[in-house]
Amino acid sequence: MNQMRLIAAWDEVVGQGIARYTLNKFIRNQTLFVQISSPALRAELSMRRTALIAALNEKVSAFVIAEIKFY
């Protein structure tokens, strides 16, 4: 249940500008996998990985993910 809430919170946490480039998202083994259509944006998000993990877990008030992988 928390995994579905976290995936649904992605657009709100990153904003509509980034959400527009998000193609697919899923969680496996406490890792959020996010498909981003822009290579430049993918690189920028990779640098912000730690902050995004904290913001997403905080949004659902639970420890759901420990890592994010962008592809």
N, C-alpha and C. Protein backbone atom coordinates (compact mmCIF):
# COMPACT_ATOMS: atom_id res chain seq x y z
N MET A 1 0.82 -1.19 0.00
CA MET A 1 0.00 0.00 0.00
C MET A 1 0.88 1.26 0.00
N ASN A 2 1.89 1.28 0.87
CA ASN A 2 2.79 2.44 0.92
C ASN A 2 3.55 2.60 -0.39
N GLN A 3 3.86 1.49 -1.06
CA GLN A 3 4.55 1.59 -2.34
C GLN A 3 3.69 2.30 -3.37
N MET A 4 2.42 1.97 -3.43
CA MET A 4 1.52 2.64 -4.38
C MET A 4 1.38 4.12 -4.04
N ARG A 5 1.31 4.44 -2.76
CA ARG A 5 1.21 5.84 -2.34
C ARG A 5 2.47 6.61 -2.73
N LEU A 6 3.64 5.98 -2.56
CA LEU A 6 4.89 6.64 -2.90
C LEU A 6 4.97 6.90 -4.41
N ILE A 7 4.61 5.92 -5.22
CA ILE A 7 4.63 6.10 -6.67
C ILE A 7 3.67 7.22 -7.07
N ALA A 8 2.51 7.26 -6.44
CA ALA A 8 1.53 8.32 -6.75
C ALA A 8 2.04 9.69 -6.31
N ALA A 9 2.90 9.75 -5.29
CA ALA A 9 3.42 11.02 -4.78
C ALA A 9 4.55 11.58 -5.64
N TRP A 10 5.09 10.80 -6.57
CA TRP A 10 6.22 11.24 -7.39
C TRP A 10 5.96 12.59 -8.06
N ASP A 11 4.82 12.71 -8.76
CA ASP A 11 4.52 13.94 -9.49
C ASP A 11 4.46 15.15 -8.57
N GLU A 12 3.89 14.98 -7.40
CA GLU A 12 3.79 16.09 -6.45
C GLU A 12 5.15 16.48 -5.88
N VAL A 13 5.98 15.49 -5.59
CA VAL A 13 7.29 15.77 -5.00
C VAL A 13 8.23 16.43 -6.01
N VAL A 14 8.25 15.94 -7.24
CA VAL A 14 9.19 16.49 -8.24
C VAL A 14 8.62 17.67 -9.02
N GLY A 15 7.30 17.83 -9.02
CA GLY A 15 6.67 18.93 -9.76
C GLY A 15 6.28 18.51 -11.16
N GLN A 16 5.37 19.26 -11.74
CA GLN A 16 4.82 18.92 -13.06
C GLN A 16 5.85 19.01 -14.18
N GLY A 17 6.83 19.90 -14.05
CA GLY A 17 7.86 20.03 -15.08
C GLY A 17 8.64 18.75 -15.27
N ILE A 18 9.04 18.13 -14.17
CA ILE A 18 9.78 16.87 -14.23
C ILE A 18 8.83 15.71 -14.51
N ALA A 19 7.65 15.74 -13.93
CA ALA A 19 6.68 14.66 -14.11
C ALA A 19 6.35 14.47 -15.60
N ARG A 20 6.40 15.54 -16.36
CA ARG A 20 6.12 15.48 -17.80
C ARG A 20 7.11 14.56 -18.54
N TYR A 21 8.33 14.43 -18.01
CA TYR A 21 9.35 13.60 -18.65
C TYR A 21 9.43 12.20 -18.05
N THR A 22 8.57 11.90 -17.09
CA THR A 22 8.56 10.60 -16.43
C THR A 22 7.67 9.65 -17.23
N LEU A 23 8.24 8.53 -17.66
CA LEU A 23 7.49 7.59 -18.48
C LEU A 23 6.97 6.39 -17.68
N ASN A 24 7.76 5.87 -16.77
CA ASN A 24 7.39 4.66 -16.04
C ASN A 24 8.03 4.69 -14.66
N LYS A 25 7.33 4.10 -13.66
CA LYS A 25 7.87 4.03 -12.30
C LYS A 25 7.42 2.72 -11.68
N PHE A 26 8.34 2.07 -10.96
CA PHE A 26 7.97 0.89 -10.19
C PHE A 26 8.98 0.69 -9.07
N ILE A 27 8.57 -0.06 -8.05
CA ILE A 27 9.43 -0.33 -6.90
C ILE A 27 9.72 -1.82 -6.84
N ARG A 28 11.00 -2.16 -6.64
CA ARG A 28 11.43 -3.54 -6.46
C ARG A 28 12.55 -3.55 -5.44
N ASN A 29 12.40 -4.34 -4.39
CA ASN A 29 13.42 -4.50 -3.34
C ASN A 29 13.86 -3.15 -2.77
N GLN A 30 12.92 -2.34 -2.37
CA GLN A 30 13.16 -1.02 -1.77
C GLN A 30 13.90 -0.06 -2.69
N THR A 31 13.85 -0.31 -3.99
CA THR A 31 14.45 0.59 -4.98
C THR A 31 13.35 1.09 -5.91
N LEU A 32 13.28 2.41 -6.05
CA LEU A 32 12.35 3.01 -7.00
C LEU A 32 13.06 3.15 -8.34
N PHE A 33 12.50 2.56 -9.36
CA PHE A 33 13.03 2.67 -10.73
C PHE A 33 12.16 3.67 -11.47
N VAL A 34 12.79 4.68 -12.07
CA VAL A 34 12.06 5.74 -12.75
C VAL A 34 12.64 5.91 -14.15
N GLN A 35 11.79 5.78 -15.16
CA GLN A 35 12.21 6.00 -16.54
C GLN A 35 11.98 7.47 -16.88
N ILE A 36 13.07 8.15 -17.27
CA ILE A 36 13.04 9.57 -17.62
C ILE A 36 13.43 9.70 -19.09
N SER A 37 12.64 10.44 -19.86
CA SER A 37 12.88 10.54 -21.30
C SER A 37 14.00 11.49 -21.69
N SER A 38 14.43 12.36 -20.78
CA SER A 38 15.48 13.34 -21.09
C SER A 38 16.79 12.94 -20.40
N PRO A 39 17.85 12.69 -21.18
CA PRO A 39 19.14 12.33 -20.58
C PRO A 39 19.69 13.41 -19.64
N ALA A 40 19.52 14.67 -20.00
CA ALA A 40 20.01 15.76 -19.14
C ALA A 40 19.26 15.78 -17.81
N LEU A 41 17.97 15.62 -17.86
CA LEU A 41 17.16 15.59 -16.64
C LEU A 41 17.49 14.36 -15.81
N ARG A 42 17.73 13.25 -16.46
CA ARG A 42 18.12 12.02 -15.76
C ARG A 42 19.40 12.24 -14.96
N ALA A 43 20.37 12.93 -15.55
CA ALA A 43 21.63 13.22 -14.86
C ALA A 43 21.41 14.16 -13.68
N GLU A 44 20.57 15.17 -13.87
CA GLU A 44 20.28 16.12 -12.79
C GLU A 44 19.59 15.42 -11.62
N LEU A 45 18.61 14.58 -11.92
CA LEU A 45 17.90 13.86 -10.87
C LEU A 45 18.81 12.89 -10.13
N SER A 46 19.76 12.30 -10.83
CA SER A 46 20.72 11.40 -10.19
C SER A 46 21.52 12.12 -9.11
N MET A 47 21.84 13.38 -9.36
CA MET A 47 22.59 14.16 -8.38
C MET A 47 21.73 14.53 -7.18
N ARG A 48 20.41 14.56 -7.36
CA ARG A 48 19.48 14.92 -6.29
C ARG A 48 18.85 13.69 -5.63
N ARG A 49 19.41 12.53 -5.91
CA ARG A 49 18.85 11.24 -5.48
C ARG A 49 18.57 11.18 -3.98
N THR A 50 19.52 11.57 -3.16
CA THR A 50 19.37 11.48 -1.70
C THR A 50 18.22 12.33 -1.20
N ALA A 51 18.12 13.55 -1.70
CA ALA A 51 17.03 14.44 -1.29
C ALA A 51 15.68 13.90 -1.75
N LEU A 52 15.62 13.33 -2.94
CA LEU A 52 14.38 12.77 -3.44
C LEU A 52 13.91 11.57 -2.62
N ILE A 53 14.85 10.71 -2.24
CA ILE A 53 14.50 9.56 -1.40
C ILE A 53 13.89 10.04 -0.09
N ALA A 54 14.53 11.01 0.54
CA ALA A 54 14.03 11.54 1.82
C ALA A 54 12.65 12.18 1.64
N ALA A 55 12.47 12.97 0.60
CA ALA A 55 11.20 13.65 0.38
C ALA A 55 10.07 12.67 0.09
N LEU A 56 10.35 11.65 -0.70
CA LEU A 56 9.32 10.67 -1.03
C LEU A 56 8.92 9.84 0.20
N ASN A 57 9.91 9.38 0.96
CA ASN A 57 9.60 8.62 2.18
C ASN A 57 8.83 9.48 3.18
N GLU A 58 9.23 10.74 3.29
CA GLU A 58 8.54 11.65 4.20
C GLU A 58 7.09 11.88 3.75
N LYS A 59 6.87 11.97 2.46
CA LYS A 59 5.53 12.22 1.93
C LYS A 59 4.55 11.12 2.32
N VAL A 60 5.03 9.88 2.37
CA VAL A 60 4.15 8.76 2.73
C VAL A 60 4.29 8.37 4.20
N SER A 61 5.12 9.09 4.93
CA SER A 61 5.32 8.86 6.37
C SER A 61 5.74 7.42 6.68
N ALA A 62 6.60 6.88 5.83
CA ALA A 62 7.09 5.51 6.04
C ALA A 62 8.40 5.34 5.27
N PHE A 63 9.22 4.40 5.74
CA PHE A 63 10.44 4.06 5.00
C PHE A 63 10.06 3.02 3.95
N VAL A 64 9.96 3.47 2.70
CA VAL A 64 9.52 2.60 1.61
C VAL A 64 10.68 2.29 0.67
N ILE A 65 11.47 3.32 0.34
CA ILE A 65 12.59 3.12 -0.59
C ILE A 65 13.91 3.54 0.05
N ALA A 66 14.96 2.83 -0.35
CA ALA A 66 16.30 3.16 0.11
C ALA A 66 17.17 3.68 -1.04
N GLU A 67 16.68 3.51 -2.27
CA GLU A 67 17.47 3.88 -3.46
C GLU A 67 16.53 4.26 -4.59
N ILE A 68 17.03 5.09 -5.50
CA ILE A 68 16.33 5.41 -6.74
C ILE A 68 17.30 5.16 -7.89
N LYS A 69 16.82 4.48 -8.91
CA LYS A 69 17.60 4.26 -10.13
C LYS A 69 16.83 4.89 -11.28
N PHE A 70 17.54 5.71 -12.04
CA PHE A 70 16.93 6.36 -13.21
C PHE A 70 17.42 5.65 -14.47
N TYR A 71 16.51 5.44 -15.39
CA TYR A 71 16.88 4.79 -16.65
C TYR A 71 16.15 5.44 -17.80
